[in-house]
Amino acid sequence: MGHDKKETHDPYTGLPKHYLAGHDVEEFYGVVKRWGASDSVKRLVEITKHAPFVSDFNVSACCGNCVIS
């Protein structure tokens, strides 16, 4: 959520206007498109080409959120 800078308040409620702001990853895409990949981003891309260090099974055994239905 972000505060709408164009309009200071909602005319019906008088409360500040809000909008749904982009998430960090969405912003990250734009930054990389504009400026290119830094060494850290290139390293991240290389890491994604390999199998995960922790399997799905191990994650579900460690994380309570993964087994809650």
PDB file of N, CA and C in Angstrom:
ATOM      1  N   MET A   1       0.844  -1.171   0.000  1.00  0.00           N
ATOM      2  CA  MET A   1       0.000   0.000   0.000  1.00  0.00           C
ATOM      3  C   MET A   1       0.889   1.233   0.000  1.00  0.00           C
ATOM      4  N   GLY A   2       0.415   2.232  -0.680  1.00  0.00           N
ATOM      5  CA  GLY A   2       1.119   3.499  -0.699  1.00  0.00           C
ATOM      6  C   GLY A   2       0.131   4.637  -0.575  1.00  0.00           C
ATOM      7  N   HIS A   3       0.639   5.815  -0.280  1.00  0.00           N
ATOM      8  CA  HIS A   3      -0.210   6.995  -0.170  1.00  0.00           C
ATOM      9  C   HIS A   3      -0.232   7.696  -1.518  1.00  0.00           C
ATOM     10  N   ASP A   4      -1.433   7.967  -2.024  1.00  0.00           N
ATOM     11  CA  ASP A   4      -1.592   8.623  -3.318  1.00  0.00           C
ATOM     12  C   ASP A   4      -1.167  10.079  -3.193  1.00  0.00           C
ATOM     13  N   LYS A   5      -0.102  10.447  -3.877  1.00  0.00           N
ATOM     14  CA  LYS A   5       0.442  11.806  -3.780  1.00  0.00           C
ATOM     15  C   LYS A   5      -0.378  12.819  -4.586  1.00  0.00           C
ATOM     16  N   LYS A   6      -1.146  12.330  -5.574  1.00  0.00           N
ATOM     17  CA  LYS A   6      -1.921  13.236  -6.424  1.00  0.00           C
ATOM     18  C   LYS A   6      -3.152  13.767  -5.702  1.00  0.00           C
ATOM     19  N   GLU A   7      -3.766  12.916  -4.897  1.00  0.00           N
ATOM     20  CA  GLU A   7      -4.964  13.329  -4.171  1.00  0.00           C
ATOM     21  C   GLU A   7      -4.695  13.182  -2.684  1.00  0.00           C
ATOM     22  N   THR A   8      -4.951  14.236  -1.929  1.00  0.00           N
ATOM     23  CA  THR A   8      -4.606  14.206  -0.514  1.00  0.00           C
ATOM     24  C   THR A   8      -5.604  13.431   0.326  1.00  0.00           C
ATOM     25  N   HIS A   9      -6.876  13.359  -0.105  1.00  0.00           N
ATOM     26  CA  HIS A   9      -7.859  12.638   0.697  1.00  0.00           C
ATOM     27  C   HIS A   9      -9.037  12.187  -0.154  1.00  0.00           C
ATOM     28  N   ASP A  10      -9.763  11.226   0.372  1.00  0.00           N
ATOM     29  CA  ASP A  10     -10.975  10.735  -0.275  1.00  0.00           C
ATOM     30  C   ASP A  10     -12.088  11.744  -0.016  1.00  0.00           C
ATOM     31  N   PRO A  11     -12.766  12.231  -1.055  1.00  0.00           N
ATOM     32  CA  PRO A  11     -13.789  13.255  -0.851  1.00  0.00           C
ATOM     33  C   PRO A  11     -14.983  12.771  -0.020  1.00  0.00           C
ATOM     34  N   TYR A  12     -15.211  11.472   0.024  1.00  0.00           N
ATOM     35  CA  TYR A  12     -16.361  10.941   0.772  1.00  0.00           C
ATOM     36  C   TYR A  12     -16.049  10.725   2.251  1.00  0.00           C
ATOM     37  N   THR A  13     -14.848  10.222   2.540  1.00  0.00           N
ATOM     38  CA  THR A  13     -14.512   9.888   3.929  1.00  0.00           C
ATOM     39  C   THR A  13     -13.586  10.901   4.582  1.00  0.00           C
ATOM     40  N   GLY A  14     -12.859  11.669   3.765  1.00  0.00           N
ATOM     41  CA  GLY A  14     -11.877  12.600   4.305  1.00  0.00           C
ATOM     42  C   GLY A  14     -10.571  11.930   4.702  1.00  0.00           C
ATOM     43  N   LEU A  15     -10.503  10.610   4.538  1.00  0.00           N
ATOM     44  CA  LEU A  15      -9.298   9.864   4.891  1.00  0.00           C
ATOM     45  C   LEU A  15      -8.273   9.943   3.759  1.00  0.00           C
ATOM     46  N   PRO A  16      -6.991   9.733   4.083  1.00  0.00           N
ATOM     47  CA  PRO A  16      -5.966   9.742   3.025  1.00  0.00           C
ATOM     48  C   PRO A  16      -6.272   8.692   1.960  1.00  0.00           C
ATOM     49  N   LYS A  17      -5.970   9.030   0.711  1.00  0.00           N
ATOM     50  CA  LYS A  17      -6.164   8.078  -0.387  1.00  0.00           C
ATOM     51  C   LYS A  17      -4.972   7.138  -0.443  1.00  0.00           C
ATOM     52  N   HIS A  18      -5.256   5.878  -0.673  1.00  0.00           N
ATOM     53  CA  HIS A  18      -4.212   4.868  -0.783  1.00  0.00           C
ATOM     54  C   HIS A  18      -4.332   4.131  -2.112  1.00  0.00           C
ATOM     55  N   TYR A  19      -3.260   3.497  -2.492  1.00  0.00           N
ATOM     56  CA  TYR A  19      -3.267   2.678  -3.701  1.00  0.00           C
ATOM     57  C   TYR A  19      -2.387   1.465  -3.450  1.00  0.00           C
ATOM     58  N   LEU A  20      -2.553   0.450  -4.268  1.00  0.00           N
ATOM     59  CA  LEU A  20      -1.746  -0.755  -4.148  1.00  0.00           C
ATOM     60  C   LEU A  20      -0.419  -0.521  -4.858  1.00  0.00           C
ATOM     61  N   ALA A  21       0.657  -0.493  -4.104  1.00  0.00           N
ATOM     62  CA  ALA A  21       1.987  -0.222  -4.650  1.00  0.00           C
ATOM     63  C   ALA A  21       2.619  -1.510  -5.166  1.00  0.00           C
ATOM     64  N   GLY A  22       3.521  -1.375  -6.124  1.00  0.00           N
ATOM     65  CA  GLY A  22       4.238  -2.527  -6.648  1.00  0.00           C
ATOM     66  C   GLY A  22       5.113  -3.162  -5.582  1.00  0.00           C
ATOM     67  N   HIS A  23       5.318  -4.447  -5.700  1.00  0.00           N
ATOM     68  CA  HIS A  23       6.150  -5.169  -4.745  1.00  0.00           C
ATOM     69  C   HIS A  23       7.618  -5.009  -5.109  1.00  0.00           C
ATOM     70  N   ASP A  24       8.482  -5.342  -4.172  1.00  0.00           N
ATOM     71  CA  ASP A  24       9.921  -5.196  -4.373  1.00  0.00           C
ATOM     72  C   ASP A  24      10.409  -5.904  -5.625  1.00  0.00           C
ATOM     73  N   VAL A  25       9.917  -7.109  -5.868  1.00  0.00           N
ATOM     74  CA  VAL A  25      10.381  -7.867  -7.034  1.00  0.00           C
ATOM     75  C   VAL A  25       9.953  -7.182  -8.319  1.00  0.00           C
ATOM     76  N   GLU A  26       8.739  -6.646  -8.361  1.00  0.00           N
ATOM     77  CA  GLU A  26       8.278  -5.926  -9.549  1.00  0.00           C
ATOM     78  C   GLU A  26       9.172  -4.717  -9.811  1.00  0.00           C
ATOM     79  N   GLU A  27       9.538  -3.999  -8.764  1.00  0.00           N
ATOM     80  CA  GLU A  27      10.447  -2.863  -8.903  1.00  0.00           C
ATOM     81  C   GLU A  27      11.813  -3.334  -9.388  1.00  0.00           C
ATOM     82  N   PHE A  28      12.262  -4.461  -8.870  1.00  0.00           N
ATOM     83  CA  PHE A  28      13.558  -5.022  -9.223  1.00  0.00           C
ATOM     84  C   PHE A  28      13.647  -5.279 -10.722  1.00  0.00           C
ATOM     85  N   TYR A  29      12.568  -5.821 -11.318  1.00  0.00           N
ATOM     86  CA  TYR A  29      12.553  -6.064 -12.766  1.00  0.00           C
ATOM     87  C   TYR A  29      12.841  -4.776 -13.527  1.00  0.00           C
ATOM     88  N   GLY A  30      12.155  -3.715 -13.163  1.00  0.00           N
ATOM     89  CA  GLY A  30      12.324  -2.440 -13.852  1.00  0.00           C
ATOM     90  C   GLY A  30      13.726  -1.883 -13.712  1.00  0.00           C
ATOM     91  N   VAL A  31      14.294  -1.993 -12.526  1.00  0.00           N
ATOM     92  CA  VAL A  31      15.650  -1.483 -12.291  1.00  0.00           C
ATOM     93  C   VAL A  31      16.648  -2.240 -13.153  1.00  0.00           C
ATOM     94  N   VAL A  32      16.516  -3.569 -13.205  1.00  0.00           N
ATOM     95  CA  VAL A  32      17.444  -4.370 -14.012  1.00  0.00           C
ATOM     96  C   VAL A  32      17.255  -4.066 -15.497  1.00  0.00           C
ATOM     97  N   LYS A  33      16.005  -3.855 -15.932  1.00  0.00           N
ATOM     98  CA  LYS A  33      15.768  -3.515 -17.345  1.00  0.00           C
ATOM     99  C   LYS A  33      16.421  -2.184 -17.704  1.00  0.00           C
ATOM    100  N   ARG A  34      16.322  -1.208 -16.804  1.00  0.00           N
ATOM    101  CA  ARG A  34      16.885   0.120 -17.081  1.00  0.00           C
ATOM    102  C   ARG A  34      18.401   0.145 -17.002  1.00  0.00           C
ATOM    103  N   TRP A  35      18.958  -0.437 -15.964  1.00  0.00           N
ATOM    104  CA  TRP A  35      20.372  -0.265 -15.675  1.00  0.00           C
ATOM    105  C   TRP A  35      21.228  -1.487 -15.966  1.00  0.00           C
ATOM    106  N   GLY A  36      20.607  -2.611 -16.266  1.00  0.00           N
ATOM    107  CA  GLY A  36      21.374  -3.825 -16.517  1.00  0.00           C
ATOM    108  C   GLY A  36      21.657  -4.576 -15.228  1.00  0.00           C
ATOM    109  N   ALA A  37      22.203  -5.752 -15.377  1.00  0.00           N
ATOM    110  CA  ALA A  37      22.461  -6.620 -14.226  1.00  0.00           C
ATOM    111  C   ALA A  37      23.820  -6.313 -13.610  1.00  0.00           C
ATOM    112  N   SER A  38      23.825  -6.070 -12.315  1.00  0.00           N
ATOM    113  CA  SER A  38      25.082  -5.880 -11.589  1.00  0.00           C
ATOM    114  C   SER A  38      25.725  -7.253 -11.381  1.00  0.00           C
ATOM    115  N   ASP A  39      26.917  -7.264 -10.833  1.00  0.00           N
ATOM    116  CA  ASP A  39      27.583  -8.545 -10.567  1.00  0.00           C
ATOM    117  C   ASP A  39      26.753  -9.410  -9.623  1.00  0.00           C
ATOM    118  N   SER A  40      26.112  -8.794  -8.641  1.00  0.00           N
ATOM    119  CA  SER A  40      25.281  -9.551  -7.697  1.00  0.00           C
ATOM    120  C   SER A  40      24.085 -10.173  -8.393  1.00  0.00           C
ATOM    121  N   VAL A  41      23.469  -9.442  -9.309  1.00  0.00           N
ATOM    122  CA  VAL A  41      22.314  -9.967 -10.041  1.00  0.00           C
ATOM    123  C   VAL A  41      22.758 -11.097 -10.962  1.00  0.00           C
ATOM    124  N   LYS A  42      23.896 -10.938 -11.608  1.00  0.00           N
ATOM    125  CA  LYS A  42      24.416 -11.999 -12.471  1.00  0.00           C
ATOM    126  C   LYS A  42      24.683 -13.264 -11.662  1.00  0.00           C
ATOM    127  N   ARG A  43      25.186 -13.093 -10.441  1.00  0.00           N
ATOM    128  CA  ARG A  43      25.425 -14.247  -9.570  1.00  0.00           C
ATOM    129  C   ARG A  43      24.105 -14.918  -9.211  1.00  0.00           C
ATOM    130  N   LEU A  44      23.088 -14.128  -8.925  1.00  0.00           N
ATOM    131  CA  LEU A  44      21.773 -14.678  -8.604  1.00  0.00           C
ATOM    132  C   LEU A  44      21.226 -15.490  -9.778  1.00  0.00           C
ATOM    133  N   VAL A  45      21.400 -14.983 -10.991  1.00  0.00           N
ATOM    134  CA  VAL A  45      20.940 -15.699 -12.185  1.00  0.00           C
ATOM    135  C   VAL A  45      21.667 -17.037 -12.303  1.00  0.00           C
ATOM    136  N   GLU A  46      22.965 -17.041 -12.068  1.00  0.00           N
ATOM    137  CA  GLU A  46      23.732 -18.290 -12.140  1.00  0.00           C
ATOM    138  C   GLU A  46      23.260 -19.293 -11.089  1.00  0.00           C
ATOM    139  N   ILE A  47      22.957 -18.811  -9.898  1.00  0.00           N
ATOM    140  CA  ILE A  47      22.485 -19.696  -8.827  1.00  0.00           C
ATOM    141  C   ILE A  47      21.172 -20.359  -9.217  1.00  0.00           C
ATOM    142  N   THR A  48      20.306 -19.645  -9.910  1.00  0.00           N
ATOM    143  CA  THR A  48      19.000 -20.202 -10.280  1.00  0.00           C
ATOM    144  C   THR A  48      19.111 -21.323 -11.314  1.00  0.00           C
ATOM    145  N   LYS A  49      20.247 -21.448 -11.955  1.00  0.00           N
ATOM    146  CA  LYS A  49      20.430 -22.490 -12.968  1.00  0.00           C
ATOM    147  C   LYS A  49      20.724 -23.859 -12.355  1.00  0.00           C
ATOM    148  N   HIS A  50      20.959 -23.910 -11.045  1.00  0.00           N
ATOM    149  CA  HIS A  50      21.292 -25.158 -10.355  1.00  0.00           C
ATOM    150  C   HIS A  50      20.108 -25.636  -9.521  1.00  0.00           C
ATOM    151  N   ALA A  51      20.149 -26.907  -9.188  1.00  0.00           N
ATOM    152  CA  ALA A  51      19.091 -27.489  -8.352  1.00  0.00           C
ATOM    153  C   ALA A  51      19.085 -26.813  -6.979  1.00  0.00           C
ATOM    154  N   PRO A  52      17.924 -26.756  -6.350  1.00  0.00           N
ATOM    155  CA  PRO A  52      17.848 -26.148  -5.017  1.00  0.00           C
ATOM    156  C   PRO A  52      18.726 -26.892  -4.011  1.00  0.00           C
ATOM    157  N   PHE A  53      19.290 -26.149  -3.095  1.00  0.00           N
ATOM    158  CA  PHE A  53      20.127 -26.724  -2.042  1.00  0.00           C
ATOM    159  C   PHE A  53      19.280 -27.537  -1.064  1.00  0.00           C
ATOM    160  N   VAL A  54      18.061 -27.078  -0.820  1.00  0.00           N
ATOM    161  CA  VAL A  54      17.130 -27.764   0.076  1.00  0.00           C
ATOM    162  C   VAL A  54      15.955 -28.240  -0.765  1.00  0.00           C
ATOM    163  N   SER A  55      15.605 -29.514  -0.635  1.00  0.00           N
ATOM    164  CA  SER A  55      14.493 -30.046  -1.423  1.00  0.00           C
ATOM    165  C   SER A  55      13.162 -29.600  -0.839  1.00  0.00           C
ATOM    166  N   ASP A  56      12.095 -29.738  -1.624  1.00  0.00           N
ATOM    167  CA  ASP A  56      10.750 -29.394  -1.158  1.00  0.00           C
ATOM    168  C   ASP A  56      10.393 -30.194   0.090  1.00  0.00           C
ATOM    169  N   PHE A  57      10.787 -31.454   0.122  1.00  0.00           N
ATOM    170  CA  PHE A  57      10.484 -32.307   1.271  1.00  0.00           C
ATOM    171  C   PHE A  57      11.109 -31.735   2.541  1.00  0.00           C
ATOM    172  N   ASN A  58      12.372 -31.336   2.461  1.00  0.00           N
ATOM    173  CA  ASN A  58      13.052 -30.790   3.634  1.00  0.00           C
ATOM    174  C   ASN A  58      12.421 -29.481   4.092  1.00  0.00           C
ATOM    175  N   VAL A  59      11.998 -28.663   3.175  1.00  0.00           N
ATOM    176  CA  VAL A  59      11.368 -27.400   3.535  1.00  0.00           C
ATOM    177  C   VAL A  59      10.071 -27.668   4.275  1.00  0.00           C
ATOM    178  N   SER A  60       9.262 -28.594   3.779  1.00  0.00           N
ATOM    179  CA  SER A  60       7.982 -28.869   4.430  1.00  0.00           C
ATOM    180  C   SER A  60       8.183 -29.443   5.829  1.00  0.00           C
ATOM    181  N   ALA A  61       9.265 -30.138   6.056  1.00  0.00           N
ATOM    182  CA  ALA A  61       9.537 -30.689   7.381  1.00  0.00           C
ATOM    183  C   ALA A  61      10.012 -29.611   8.353  1.00  0.00           C
ATOM    184  N   CYS A  62      10.584 -28.544   7.836  1.00  0.00           N
ATOM    185  CA  CYS A  62      11.142 -27.486   8.685  1.00  0.00           C
ATOM    186  C   CYS A  62      10.175 -26.346   8.941  1.00  0.00           C
ATOM    187  N   CYS A  63       9.294 -26.101   8.031  1.00  0.00           N
ATOM    188  CA  CYS A  63       8.456 -24.903   8.081  1.00  0.00           C
ATOM    189  C   CYS A  63       7.023 -25.278   8.435  1.00  0.00           C
ATOM    190  N   GLY A  64       6.539 -24.800   9.552  1.00  0.00           N
ATOM    191  CA  GLY A  64       5.169 -25.093   9.956  1.00  0.00           C
ATOM    192  C   GLY A  64       4.135 -24.560   8.987  1.00  0.00           C
ATOM    193  N   ASN A  65       4.428 -23.455   8.316  1.00  0.00           N
ATOM    194  CA  ASN A  65       3.482 -22.884   7.356  1.00  0.00           C
ATOM    195  C   ASN A  65       3.263 -23.793   6.158  1.00  0.00           C
ATOM    196  N   CYS A  66       4.262 -24.584   5.811  1.00  0.00           N
ATOM    197  CA  CYS A  66       4.151 -25.450   4.639  1.00  0.00           C
ATOM    198  C   CYS A  66       3.204 -26.620   4.869  1.00  0.00           C
ATOM    199  N   VAL A  67       3.009 -27.039   6.115  1.00  0.00           N
ATOM    200  CA  VAL A  67       2.171 -28.201   6.386  1.00  0.00           C
ATOM    201  C   VAL A  67       0.780 -27.818   6.881  1.00  0.00           C
ATOM    202  N   ILE A  68       0.563 -26.540   7.140  1.00  0.00           N
ATOM    203  CA  ILE A  68      -0.766 -26.085   7.567  1.00  0.00           C
ATOM    204  C   ILE A  68      -1.678 -26.048   6.358  1.00  0.00           C
ATOM    205  N   SER A  69      -2.869 -26.659   6.476  1.00  0.00           N
ATOM    206  CA  SER A  69      -3.809 -26.601   5.350  1.00  0.00           C
ATOM    207  C   SER A  69      -5.094 -25.941   5.751  1.00  0.00           C
TER     208      SER A  69
END
